[in-house]
C-alpha atoms as a PDB file:
ATOM      1  CA  GLN A   1     120.454 -33.969 -73.259  1.00  0.00           C
ATOM      2  CA  VAL A   2     116.865 -34.984 -72.658  1.00  0.00           C
ATOM      3  CA  GLN A   3     116.357 -37.753 -70.119  1.00  0.00           C
ATOM      4  CA  LEU A   4     113.100 -39.574 -69.423  1.00  0.00           C
ATOM      5  CA  VAL A   5     112.473 -41.581 -66.267  1.00  0.00           C
ATOM      6  CA  GLU A   6     109.383 -43.737 -65.790  1.00  0.00           C
ATOM      7  CA  SER A   7     107.918 -44.575 -62.408  1.00  0.00           C
ATOM      8  CA  GLY A   8     104.950 -46.414 -60.979  1.00  0.00           C
ATOM      9  CA  GLY A   9     103.385 -49.616 -62.182  1.00  0.00           C
ATOM     10  CA  GLY A  10     103.926 -51.668 -59.072  1.00  0.00           C
ATOM     11  CA  SER A  11     100.993 -50.450 -56.989  1.00  0.00           C
ATOM     12  CA  VAL A  12      97.653 -51.839 -58.155  1.00  0.00           C
ATOM     13  CA  GLN A  13      94.592 -49.649 -57.629  1.00  0.00           C
ATOM     14  CA  ALA A  14      90.963 -50.642 -57.206  1.00  0.00           C
ATOM     15  CA  GLY A  15      89.585 -52.539 -60.160  1.00  0.00           C
ATOM     16  CA  ASP A  16      93.077 -53.631 -61.196  1.00  0.00           C
ATOM     17  CA  SER A  17      93.936 -50.073 -62.266  1.00  0.00           C
ATOM     18  CA  LEU A  18      97.472 -48.745 -62.525  1.00  0.00           C
ATOM     19  CA  ARG A  19      99.136 -45.425 -63.149  1.00  0.00           C
ATOM     20  CA  VAL A  20     102.572 -44.921 -64.646  1.00  0.00           C
ATOM     21  CA  SER A  21     104.352 -41.596 -64.944  1.00  0.00           C
ATOM     22  CA  CYS A  22     107.299 -40.240 -66.858  1.00  0.00           C
ATOM     23  CA  THR A  23     109.331 -37.224 -65.818  1.00  0.00           C
ATOM     24  CA  ALA A  24     111.620 -35.396 -68.219  1.00  0.00           C
ATOM     25  CA  SER A  25     114.746 -33.398 -67.558  1.00  0.00           C
ATOM     26  CA  GLY A  26     116.733 -31.332 -69.995  1.00  0.00           C
ATOM     27  CA  GLY A  27     115.273 -29.738 -73.076  1.00  0.00           C
ATOM     28  CA  THR A  28     111.913 -28.015 -73.012  1.00  0.00           C
ATOM     29  CA  PHE A  29     109.206 -30.521 -72.102  1.00  0.00           C
ATOM     30  CA  SER A  30     106.300 -28.305 -73.110  1.00  0.00           C
ATOM     31  CA  THR A  31     107.449 -28.342 -76.748  1.00  0.00           C
ATOM     32  CA  TYR A  32     107.505 -32.160 -77.028  1.00  0.00           C
ATOM     33  CA  ALA A  33     104.754 -34.473 -78.074  1.00  0.00           C
ATOM     34  CA  MET A  34     104.822 -37.500 -75.786  1.00  0.00           C
ATOM     35  CA  GLY A  35     103.970 -41.149 -76.276  1.00  0.00           C
ATOM     36  CA  TRP A  36     103.630 -44.378 -74.330  1.00  0.00           C
ATOM     37  CA  PHE A  37     104.657 -47.751 -75.694  1.00  0.00           C
ATOM     38  CA  ARG A  38     104.649 -51.205 -74.150  1.00  0.00           C
ATOM     39  CA  ALA A  39     106.543 -54.397 -74.711  1.00  0.00           C
ATOM     40  CA  VAL A  40     105.715 -57.902 -73.558  1.00  0.00           C
ATOM     41  CA  SER A  41     108.646 -60.269 -73.156  1.00  0.00           C
ATOM     42  CA  GLY A  42     109.588 -61.680 -76.532  1.00  0.00           C
ATOM     43  CA  GLU A  43     107.507 -59.150 -78.482  1.00  0.00           C
ATOM     44  CA  GLU A  44     108.289 -55.856 -80.169  1.00  0.00           C
ATOM     45  CA  ARG A  45     107.432 -52.528 -78.609  1.00  0.00           C
ATOM     46  CA  GLU A  46     103.924 -51.393 -79.548  1.00  0.00           C
ATOM     47  CA  PHE A  47     102.122 -48.072 -79.453  1.00  0.00           C
ATOM     48  CA  VAL A  48      99.701 -47.378 -76.602  1.00  0.00           C
ATOM     49  CA  ALA A  49      98.880 -43.654 -76.488  1.00  0.00           C
ATOM     50  CA  SER A  50     100.210 -40.239 -77.428  1.00  0.00           C
ATOM     51  CA  ILE A  51      99.532 -36.617 -76.606  1.00  0.00           C
ATOM     52  CA  SER A  52     100.484 -33.509 -78.520  1.00  0.00           C
ATOM     53  CA  ARG A  53     102.398 -30.625 -77.068  1.00  0.00           C
ATOM     54  CA  ILE A  54     100.041 -28.376 -75.076  1.00  0.00           C
ATOM     55  CA  GLY A  55      97.761 -31.423 -74.842  1.00  0.00           C
ATOM     56  CA  ASN A  56      95.320 -30.340 -77.522  1.00  0.00           C
ATOM     57  CA  THR A  57      95.182 -33.766 -79.154  1.00  0.00           C
ATOM     58  CA  VAL A  58      95.391 -37.334 -77.871  1.00  0.00           C
ATOM     59  CA  TYR A  59      95.455 -40.641 -79.709  1.00  0.00           C
ATOM     60  CA  TYR A  60      94.990 -44.178 -78.432  1.00  0.00           C
ATOM     61  CA  ALA A  61      95.572 -47.614 -79.786  1.00  0.00           C
ATOM     62  CA  ASP A  62      92.258 -49.307 -80.534  1.00  0.00           C
ATOM     63  CA  SER A  63      92.946 -51.921 -77.897  1.00  0.00           C
ATOM     64  CA  VAL A  64      92.983 -49.364 -75.055  1.00  0.00           C
ATOM     65  CA  LYS A  65      90.367 -46.820 -76.142  1.00  0.00           C
ATOM     66  CA  GLY A  66      87.917 -46.066 -73.366  1.00  0.00           C
ATOM     67  CA  ARG A  67      90.128 -47.719 -70.758  1.00  0.00           C
ATOM     68  CA  PHE A  68      93.445 -45.828 -70.714  1.00  0.00           C
ATOM     69  CA  THR A  69      93.964 -42.083 -70.354  1.00  0.00           C
ATOM     70  CA  ILE A  70      97.088 -40.126 -71.222  1.00  0.00           C
ATOM     71  CA  SER A  71      97.654 -36.693 -69.724  1.00  0.00           C
ATOM     72  CA  ARG A  72     100.457 -34.211 -69.232  1.00  0.00           C
ATOM     73  CA  GLU A  73     101.399 -31.658 -66.617  1.00  0.00           C
ATOM     74  CA  ASP A  74     103.946 -29.353 -68.175  1.00  0.00           C
ATOM     75  CA  ALA A  75     104.660 -27.477 -64.945  1.00  0.00           C
ATOM     76  CA  LYS A  76     106.072 -30.753 -63.575  1.00  0.00           C
ATOM     77  CA  ASN A  77     107.585 -32.006 -66.852  1.00  0.00           C
ATOM     78  CA  THR A  78     105.440 -35.111 -66.501  1.00  0.00           C
ATOM     79  CA  VAL A  79     103.276 -37.298 -68.698  1.00  0.00           C
ATOM     80  CA  THR A  80     101.026 -39.912 -67.102  1.00  0.00           C
ATOM     81  CA  LEU A  81      99.178 -42.992 -68.304  1.00  0.00           C
ATOM     82  CA  GLN A  82      96.170 -44.085 -66.253  1.00  0.00           C
ATOM     83  CA  MET A  83      95.224 -47.675 -67.002  1.00  0.00           C
ATOM     84  CA  ASP A  84      91.720 -48.760 -66.016  1.00  0.00           C
ATOM     85  CA  SER A  85      89.805 -51.946 -66.815  1.00  0.00           C
ATOM     86  CA  ARG A  86      92.992 -53.773 -67.631  1.00  0.00           C
ATOM     87  CA  LYS A  87      92.505 -57.001 -69.518  1.00  0.00           C
ATOM     88  CA  MET A  88      93.963 -60.248 -68.277  1.00  0.00           C
ATOM     89  CA  GLY A  89      97.550 -60.631 -69.374  1.00  0.00           C
ATOM     90  CA  GLY A  90     101.131 -61.054 -68.315  1.00  0.00           C
ATOM     91  CA  PRO A  91     103.581 -58.403 -67.133  1.00  0.00           C
ATOM     92  CA  ALA A  92     104.844 -55.803 -69.572  1.00  0.00           C
ATOM     93  CA  GLY A  93     107.319 -52.955 -69.723  1.00  0.00           C
ATOM     94  CA  TYR A  94     105.918 -49.494 -70.339  1.00  0.00           C
ATOM     95  CA  TYR A  95     108.107 -46.890 -71.996  1.00  0.00           C
ATOM     96  CA  CYS A  96     107.635 -43.174 -72.480  1.00  0.00           C
ATOM     97  CA  ALA A  97     109.043 -41.332 -75.456  1.00  0.00           C
ATOM     98  CA  ALA A  98     109.453 -37.715 -76.506  1.00  0.00           C
ATOM     99  CA  ASP A  99     109.037 -36.266 -79.986  1.00  0.00           C
ATOM    100  CA  ARG A 100     110.786 -32.930 -80.404  1.00  0.00           C
ATOM    101  CA  ASP A 101     109.931 -32.605 -84.108  1.00  0.00           C
ATOM    102  CA  ASN A 102     106.250 -31.662 -83.846  1.00  0.00           C
ATOM    103  CA  HIS A 103     104.636 -34.744 -85.359  1.00  0.00           C
ATOM    104  CA  GLY A 104     101.578 -34.258 -83.185  1.00  0.00           C
ATOM    105  CA  THR A 105     100.404 -37.662 -81.996  1.00  0.00           C
ATOM    106  CA  ALA A 106     102.800 -40.022 -83.715  1.00  0.00           C
ATOM    107  CA  ARG A 107     102.229 -43.768 -83.460  1.00  0.00           C
ATOM    108  CA  ARG A 108     105.512 -44.915 -84.990  1.00  0.00           C
ATOM    109  CA  SER A 109     108.394 -45.513 -82.617  1.00  0.00           C
ATOM    110  CA  ASP A 110     110.910 -44.144 -85.101  1.00  0.00           C
ATOM    111  CA  MET A 111     109.232 -40.742 -84.923  1.00  0.00           C
ATOM    112  CA  TYR A 112     110.358 -40.292 -81.313  1.00  0.00           C
ATOM    113  CA  GLN A 113     113.884 -39.186 -80.471  1.00  0.00           C
ATOM    114  CA  TYR A 114     114.142 -39.765 -76.716  1.00  0.00           C
ATOM    115  CA  TRP A 115     113.186 -42.833 -74.701  1.00  0.00           C
ATOM    116  CA  GLY A 116     112.999 -43.817 -71.079  1.00  0.00           C
ATOM    117  CA  GLN A 117     114.291 -47.134 -69.791  1.00  0.00           C
ATOM    118  CA  GLY A 118     110.816 -48.409 -68.986  1.00  0.00           C
ATOM    119  CA  THR A 119     108.889 -49.413 -65.906  1.00  0.00           C
ATOM    120  CA  GLN A 120     107.555 -52.892 -65.268  1.00  0.00           C
ATOM    121  CA  VAL A 121     103.804 -53.332 -64.943  1.00  0.00           C
ATOM    122  CA  PRO A 122     102.586 -56.522 -63.239  1.00  0.00           C
ATOM    123  CA  ALA A 123     100.151 -58.996 -64.686  1.00  0.00           C
ATOM    124  CA  SER A 124      96.465 -58.117 -64.639  1.00  0.00           C
ATOM    125  CA  SER A 125      93.775 -60.445 -63.344  1.00  0.00           C
END
């Protein structure tokens, strides 16, 4: 079975930047579209960014365009979200998800079949 494990989020970079990563095991990572979602305490999970298999296409939520970058490294079964110019806000959980059914760059959570347990990202300032 496919398993997704997120890491990072606790080490703040210059300019309040952060990078979170997700590593997959099982299945064939290169055939999955991948997405990132986030959830603030007390709120529903919301779409952040997605990338198609092969990485030909990316899609971002309007709120993060120009500031966040999603990328994938299939040789390491890893998808990464680089978060620059973070806006002031509280901590949030970031979750990666895999879509095995070739939706491309899906933005709906119910179009992903596999989910990680999330990694906590600290408040920005």
